[in-house]
Amino acid sequence: MAATNQHTQAPVGAAGAGTTRAAAGGGGPPMAARLTTEQVWHQLAKGSFAVLSHVTPAGEPRSSGVLYKSIGRRLYIATAPDSWKARHVAASGRVAVTVPVRRGGLLSLVTPIPPATISFHASAIVHQADSPEVRSVLKELASLLPAERQASACIIEVIPEGFFVTYGVGIALTQMRDPAAARGRVPVTQEGSTR
């Protein structure tokens, strides 16, 4: 059964700044539009694919598609210890992440609907999979890290910072054509972290 979008989230205003819009029905008082940090964390927890961007030691930009698992208020990515990701992220400790959010349900099969996005910058720490820092979450990372790779893989722990910058998150599909309505910006919070 195909998943459909639930429109229970509050609409988002330009840059998440509480832009006003007319209330449903057209003639009512303006309604404050606001995306919440919790809505963004909820979308990140539902996702599993992201684009991870970093720089080489020479300062050249690189990006990679990665699978991730959200645990608490962190994202975890499994990679080979000799990969560019592991080496470059360990050297700088800084990354940028963009997570596409699928929209449209069945409608997206017949109409081209671009994904919504959540982007942010983060600090990142590269751990050996058997290190004490990630041992407590290894069971939850089983989908990323099969048992036969646990001893040889690295885990990149991504800790979002600053602001989440969104496009098309928490709004109706028809509003995605209006950049002012589709953009959002909410602070990253680490409250409620399980770690």
C-alpha atoms as a PDB file:
ATOM      1  CA  MET A   1       0.000   0.000   0.000  1.00  0.00           C
ATOM      2  CA  ALA A   2       1.451   3.364  -0.986  1.00  0.00           C
ATOM      3  CA  ALA A   3       2.070   5.929   1.704  1.00  0.00           C
ATOM      4  CA  THR A   4       0.237   9.200   1.434  1.00  0.00           C
ATOM      5  CA  ASN A   5       1.087  12.544   2.901  1.00  0.00           C
ATOM      6  CA  GLN A   6      -0.806  13.598   5.963  1.00  0.00           C
ATOM      7  CA  HIS A   7      -1.512  17.319   5.999  1.00  0.00           C
ATOM      8  CA  THR A   8      -1.514  17.657   9.754  1.00  0.00           C
ATOM      9  CA  GLN A   9       1.618  19.761   9.906  1.00  0.00           C
ATOM     10  CA  ALA A  10       1.438  23.499  10.246  1.00  0.00           C
ATOM     11  CA  PRO A  11       2.186  25.455   7.078  1.00  0.00           C
ATOM     12  CA  VAL A  12       5.562  27.098   6.819  1.00  0.00           C
ATOM     13  CA  GLY A  13       6.267  30.775   6.279  1.00  0.00           C
ATOM     14  CA  ALA A  14       9.141  32.408   4.500  1.00  0.00           C
ATOM     15  CA  ALA A  15      12.277  31.484   6.355  1.00  0.00           C
ATOM     16  CA  GLY A  16      10.133  30.134   9.194  1.00  0.00           C
ATOM     17  CA  ALA A  17       9.634  33.673  10.398  1.00  0.00           C
ATOM     18  CA  GLY A  18       5.902  33.561  11.010  1.00  0.00           C
ATOM     19  CA  THR A  19       4.787  35.076   7.702  1.00  0.00           C
ATOM     20  CA  THR A  20       1.045  35.570   7.635  1.00  0.00           C
ATOM     21  CA  ARG A  21      -1.359  34.013   5.164  1.00  0.00           C
ATOM     22  CA  ALA A  22      -5.102  34.362   4.817  1.00  0.00           C
ATOM     23  CA  ALA A  23      -7.024  31.761   6.756  1.00  0.00           C
ATOM     24  CA  ALA A  24      -8.764  28.948   4.907  1.00  0.00           C
ATOM     25  CA  GLY A  25     -11.937  30.224   3.292  1.00  0.00           C
ATOM     26  CA  GLY A  26     -10.295  33.399   2.023  1.00  0.00           C
ATOM     27  CA  GLY A  27     -11.998  36.056   4.161  1.00  0.00           C
ATOM     28  CA  GLY A  28     -10.824  35.182   7.655  1.00  0.00           C
ATOM     29  CA  PRO A  29      -8.075  36.789   9.664  1.00  0.00           C
ATOM     30  CA  PRO A  30      -4.457  36.080   8.700  1.00  0.00           C
ATOM     31  CA  MET A  31      -2.994  32.917  10.154  1.00  0.00           C
ATOM     32  CA  ALA A  32       0.609  32.728  11.377  1.00  0.00           C
ATOM     33  CA  ALA A  33       2.561  30.122   9.436  1.00  0.00           C
ATOM     34  CA  ARG A  34       5.277  28.270  11.298  1.00  0.00           C
ATOM     35  CA  LEU A  35       7.328  25.123  10.847  1.00  0.00           C
ATOM     36  CA  THR A  36       8.580  23.568  14.061  1.00  0.00           C
ATOM     37  CA  THR A  37      11.908  21.958  14.843  1.00  0.00           C
ATOM     38  CA  GLU A  38      10.018  18.851  15.970  1.00  0.00           C
ATOM     39  CA  GLN A  39       8.430  18.503  12.504  1.00  0.00           C
ATOM     40  CA  VAL A  40      11.882  18.574  10.932  1.00  0.00           C
ATOM     41  CA  TRP A  41      13.295  15.981  13.351  1.00  0.00           C
ATOM     42  CA  HIS A  42      10.245  13.805  12.626  1.00  0.00           C
ATOM     43  CA  GLN A  43      10.942  13.970   8.866  1.00  0.00           C
ATOM     44  CA  LEU A  44      14.627  13.163   9.430  1.00  0.00           C
ATOM     45  CA  ALA A  45      13.653  10.128  11.529  1.00  0.00           C
ATOM     46  CA  LYS A  46      11.396   8.867   8.701  1.00  0.00           C
ATOM     47  CA  GLY A  47      14.114   9.244   6.067  1.00  0.00           C
ATOM     48  CA  SER A  48      17.118   7.086   5.239  1.00  0.00           C
ATOM     49  CA  PHE A  49      18.888   8.763   2.273  1.00  0.00           C
ATOM     50  CA  ALA A  50      20.933  11.970   2.347  1.00  0.00           C
ATOM     51  CA  VAL A  51      23.606  13.799   0.404  1.00  0.00           C
ATOM     52  CA  LEU A  52      26.654  14.296   2.619  1.00  0.00           C
ATOM     53  CA  SER A  53      29.001  17.102   1.557  1.00  0.00           C
ATOM     54  CA  HIS A  54      32.508  17.671   2.848  1.00  0.00           C
ATOM     55  CA  VAL A  55      35.830  19.088   1.721  1.00  0.00           C
ATOM     56  CA  THR A  56      39.113  17.379   0.965  1.00  0.00           C
ATOM     57  CA  PRO A  57      42.241  18.346   2.894  1.00  0.00           C
ATOM     58  CA  ALA A  58      43.097  20.501  -0.184  1.00  0.00           C
ATOM     59  CA  GLY A  59      39.783  22.355   0.231  1.00  0.00           C
ATOM     60  CA  GLU A  60      38.007  20.785  -2.772  1.00  0.00           C
ATOM     61  CA  PRO A  61      34.267  20.109  -2.362  1.00  0.00           C
ATOM     62  CA  ARG A  62      32.936  16.558  -2.434  1.00  0.00           C
ATOM     63  CA  SER A  63      29.509  15.033  -1.903  1.00  0.00           C
ATOM     64  CA  SER A  64      28.206  11.485  -1.632  1.00  0.00           C
ATOM     65  CA  GLY A  65      24.814   9.856  -1.430  1.00  0.00           C
ATOM     66  CA  VAL A  66      24.600   7.958   1.845  1.00  0.00           C
ATOM     67  CA  LEU A  67      22.161   5.860   3.828  1.00  0.00           C
ATOM     68  CA  TYR A  68      21.668   7.057   7.388  1.00  0.00           C
ATOM     69  CA  LYS A  69      19.838   6.150  10.550  1.00  0.00           C
ATOM     70  CA  SER A  70      18.469   8.804  12.884  1.00  0.00           C
ATOM     71  CA  ILE A  71      18.912   7.957  16.565  1.00  0.00           C
ATOM     72  CA  GLY A  72      18.096  10.588  19.137  1.00  0.00           C
ATOM     73  CA  ARG A  73      19.151  13.911  17.668  1.00  0.00           C
ATOM     74  CA  ARG A  74      22.006  12.488  15.605  1.00  0.00           C
ATOM     75  CA  LEU A  75      22.401  10.848  12.200  1.00  0.00           C
ATOM     76  CA  TYR A  76      24.670   7.822  11.792  1.00  0.00           C
ATOM     77  CA  ILE A  77      26.288   6.715   8.535  1.00  0.00           C
ATOM     78  CA  ALA A  78      28.254   3.498   7.998  1.00  0.00           C
ATOM     79  CA  THR A  79      31.227   3.594   5.643  1.00  0.00           C
ATOM     80  CA  ALA A  80      34.485   1.787   4.896  1.00  0.00           C
ATOM     81  CA  PRO A  81      37.463   3.043   6.914  1.00  0.00           C
ATOM     82  CA  ASP A  82      39.494   3.689   3.746  1.00  0.00           C
ATOM     83  CA  SER A  83      36.693   5.638   2.001  1.00  0.00           C
ATOM     84  CA  TRP A  84      37.052   9.289   1.053  1.00  0.00           C
ATOM     85  CA  LYS A  85      34.146  10.064   3.365  1.00  0.00           C
ATOM     86  CA  ALA A  86      35.856   8.561   6.397  1.00  0.00           C
ATOM     87  CA  ARG A  87      39.217  10.187   5.678  1.00  0.00           C
ATOM     88  CA  HIS A  88      37.971  13.661   4.720  1.00  0.00           C
ATOM     89  CA  VAL A  89      35.305  13.936   7.418  1.00  0.00           C
ATOM     90  CA  ALA A  90      37.795  12.832  10.077  1.00  0.00           C
ATOM     91  CA  ALA A  91      40.227  15.515   8.894  1.00  0.00           C
ATOM     92  CA  SER A  92      37.776  18.430   9.000  1.00  0.00           C
ATOM     93  CA  GLY A  93      35.014  17.353  11.384  1.00  0.00           C
ATOM     94  CA  ARG A  94      32.538  19.479   9.373  1.00  0.00           C
ATOM     95  CA  VAL A  95      29.850  18.427   6.888  1.00  0.00           C
ATOM     96  CA  ALA A  96      26.751  19.763   5.148  1.00  0.00           C
ATOM     97  CA  VAL A  97      23.757  17.484   4.701  1.00  0.00           C
ATOM     98  CA  THR A  98      20.697  17.608   2.444  1.00  0.00           C
ATOM     99  CA  VAL A  99      17.885  15.121   3.007  1.00  0.00           C
ATOM    100  CA  PRO A 100      15.249  14.802   0.246  1.00  0.00           C
ATOM    101  CA  VAL A 101      11.706  14.309   1.575  1.00  0.00           C
ATOM    102  CA  ARG A 102       9.413  12.424  -0.804  1.00  0.00           C
ATOM    103  CA  ARG A 103       6.115  14.200  -1.423  1.00  0.00           C
ATOM    104  CA  GLY A 104       3.005  13.429  -3.426  1.00  0.00           C
ATOM    105  CA  GLY A 105       2.209   9.788  -2.687  1.00  0.00           C
ATOM    106  CA  LEU A 106       0.427   8.246  -5.681  1.00  0.00           C
ATOM    107  CA  LEU A 107       0.215  11.631  -7.392  1.00  0.00           C
ATOM    108  CA  SER A 108       4.008  11.677  -7.766  1.00  0.00           C
ATOM    109  CA  LEU A 109       3.764   8.615 -10.031  1.00  0.00           C
ATOM    110  CA  VAL A 110       1.861  10.577 -12.693  1.00  0.00           C
ATOM    111  CA  THR A 111       3.006  14.165 -12.102  1.00  0.00           C
ATOM    112  CA  PRO A 112       6.603  15.305 -11.646  1.00  0.00           C
ATOM    113  CA  ILE A 113       6.738  16.510  -8.039  1.00  0.00           C
ATOM    114  CA  PRO A 114      10.198  17.415  -6.782  1.00  0.00           C
ATOM    115  CA  PRO A 115      11.134  16.219  -3.332  1.00  0.00           C
ATOM    116  CA  ALA A 116      11.048  18.619  -0.451  1.00  0.00           C
ATOM    117  CA  THR A 117      14.438  19.108   1.236  1.00  0.00           C
ATOM    118  CA  ILE A 118      15.980  19.584   4.656  1.00  0.00           C
ATOM    119  CA  SER A 119      19.515  21.029   4.666  1.00  0.00           C
ATOM    120  CA  PHE A 120      21.865  21.797   7.535  1.00  0.00           C
ATOM    121  CA  HIS A 121      25.492  21.956   8.520  1.00  0.00           C
ATOM    122  CA  ALA A 122      26.891  19.728  11.220  1.00  0.00           C
ATOM    123  CA  SER A 123      29.874  18.588  13.150  1.00  0.00           C
ATOM    124  CA  ALA A 124      30.848  15.016  12.369  1.00  0.00           C
ATOM    125  CA  ILE A 125      32.900  12.442  14.213  1.00  0.00           C
ATOM    126  CA  VAL A 126      34.288   9.267  12.634  1.00  0.00           C
ATOM    127  CA  HIS A 127      34.234   6.261  14.993  1.00  0.00           C
ATOM    128  CA  GLN A 128      35.335   2.674  14.561  1.00  0.00           C
ATOM    129  CA  ALA A 129      32.181   0.543  14.686  1.00  0.00           C
ATOM    130  CA  ASP A 130      33.389  -1.253  17.818  1.00  0.00           C
ATOM    131  CA  SER A 131      34.333   1.948  19.682  1.00  0.00           C
ATOM    132  CA  PRO A 132      32.672   2.642  23.040  1.00  0.00           C
ATOM    133  CA  GLU A 133      31.149   5.879  21.677  1.00  0.00           C
ATOM    134  CA  VAL A 134      28.885   4.022  19.236  1.00  0.00           C
ATOM    135  CA  ARG A 135      28.654   0.584  20.827  1.00  0.00           C
ATOM    136  CA  SER A 136      25.375   1.576  22.518  1.00  0.00           C
ATOM    137  CA  VAL A 137      23.681   2.275  19.152  1.00  0.00           C
ATOM    138  CA  LEU A 138      25.082  -0.624  17.088  1.00  0.00           C
ATOM    139  CA  LYS A 139      21.927  -2.715  17.486  1.00  0.00           C
ATOM    140  CA  GLU A 140      19.840   0.136  16.035  1.00  0.00           C
ATOM    141  CA  LEU A 141      22.305   0.455  13.128  1.00  0.00           C
ATOM    142  CA  ALA A 142      21.841  -3.158  11.993  1.00  0.00           C
ATOM    143  CA  SER A 143      20.137  -2.044   8.762  1.00  0.00           C
ATOM    144  CA  LEU A 144      23.233   0.001   7.840  1.00  0.00           C
ATOM    145  CA  LEU A 145      25.859  -2.287   9.268  1.00  0.00           C
ATOM    146  CA  PRO A 146      25.445  -6.062   8.879  1.00  0.00           C
ATOM    147  CA  ALA A 147      27.141  -8.203  11.535  1.00  0.00           C
ATOM    148  CA  GLU A 148      29.964  -9.241   9.183  1.00  0.00           C
ATOM    149  CA  ARG A 149      30.986  -5.557   8.715  1.00  0.00           C
ATOM    150  CA  GLN A 150      30.751  -4.447  12.340  1.00  0.00           C
ATOM    151  CA  ALA A 151      34.414  -5.079  13.085  1.00  0.00           C
ATOM    152  CA  SER A 152      35.725  -3.423   9.909  1.00  0.00           C
ATOM    153  CA  ALA A 153      33.441  -0.431   9.293  1.00  0.00           C
ATOM    154  CA  CYS A 154      33.491   3.157  10.453  1.00  0.00           C
ATOM    155  CA  ILE A 155      30.471   5.044  11.739  1.00  0.00           C
ATOM    156  CA  ILE A 156      30.136   8.758  11.007  1.00  0.00           C
ATOM    157  CA  GLU A 157      28.158  10.470  13.756  1.00  0.00           C
ATOM    158  CA  VAL A 158      26.534  13.631  12.377  1.00  0.00           C
ATOM    159  CA  ILE A 159      25.420  16.267  14.899  1.00  0.00           C
ATOM    160  CA  PRO A 160      23.256  18.978  13.270  1.00  0.00           C
ATOM    161  CA  GLU A 161      24.024  22.567  14.311  1.00  0.00           C
ATOM    162  CA  GLY A 162      22.624  26.026  13.755  1.00  0.00           C
ATOM    163  CA  PHE A 163      19.460  25.948  11.641  1.00  0.00           C
ATOM    164  CA  PHE A 164      17.520  23.520   9.509  1.00  0.00           C
ATOM    165  CA  VAL A 165      16.795  25.150   6.147  1.00  0.00           C
ATOM    166  CA  THR A 166      13.815  23.514   4.446  1.00  0.00           C
ATOM    167  CA  TYR A 167      11.893  23.663   1.211  1.00  0.00           C
ATOM    168  CA  GLY A 168       8.412  22.169   0.947  1.00  0.00           C
ATOM    169  CA  VAL A 169       8.317  20.637   4.431  1.00  0.00           C
ATOM    170  CA  GLY A 170       5.089  21.007   6.412  1.00  0.00           C
ATOM    171  CA  ILE A 171       3.067  22.633   3.616  1.00  0.00           C
ATOM    172  CA  ALA A 172       0.500  21.549   1.044  1.00  0.00           C
ATOM    173  CA  LEU A 173       1.868  20.357  -2.303  1.00  0.00           C
ATOM    174  CA  THR A 174       0.267  23.308  -4.096  1.00  0.00           C
ATOM    175  CA  GLN A 175       2.308  25.728  -1.966  1.00  0.00           C
ATOM    176  CA  MET A 176       5.602  24.252  -3.189  1.00  0.00           C
ATOM    177  CA  ARG A 177       5.300  26.464  -6.298  1.00  0.00           C
ATOM    178  CA  ASP A 178       5.503  29.562  -4.073  1.00  0.00           C
ATOM    179  CA  PRO A 179       9.098  29.937  -2.818  1.00  0.00           C
ATOM    180  CA  ALA A 180       8.061  32.324  -0.045  1.00  0.00           C
ATOM    181  CA  ALA A 181       5.581  29.781   1.320  1.00  0.00           C
ATOM    182  CA  ALA A 182       7.788  26.728   0.694  1.00  0.00           C
ATOM    183  CA  ARG A 183      10.956  27.944   2.436  1.00  0.00           C
ATOM    184  CA  GLY A 184      11.486  27.384   6.132  1.00  0.00           C
ATOM    185  CA  ARG A 185      14.216  27.922   8.679  1.00  0.00           C
ATOM    186  CA  VAL A 186      14.068  26.596  12.236  1.00  0.00           C
ATOM    187  CA  PRO A 187      16.735  26.240  14.895  1.00  0.00           C
ATOM    188  CA  VAL A 188      18.348  22.867  15.500  1.00  0.00           C
ATOM    189  CA  THR A 189      17.785  21.760  19.058  1.00  0.00           C
ATOM    190  CA  GLN A 190      19.380  18.835  20.809  1.00  0.00           C
ATOM    191  CA  GLU A 191      16.691  18.604  23.523  1.00  0.00           C
ATOM    192  CA  GLY A 192      15.248  15.173  23.994  1.00  0.00           C
ATOM    193  CA  SER A 193      18.416  13.479  22.768  1.00  0.00           C
ATOM    194  CA  THR A 194      18.690   9.857  23.829  1.00  0.00           C
ATOM    195  CA  ARG A 195      22.451  10.104  24.147  1.00  0.00           C
END
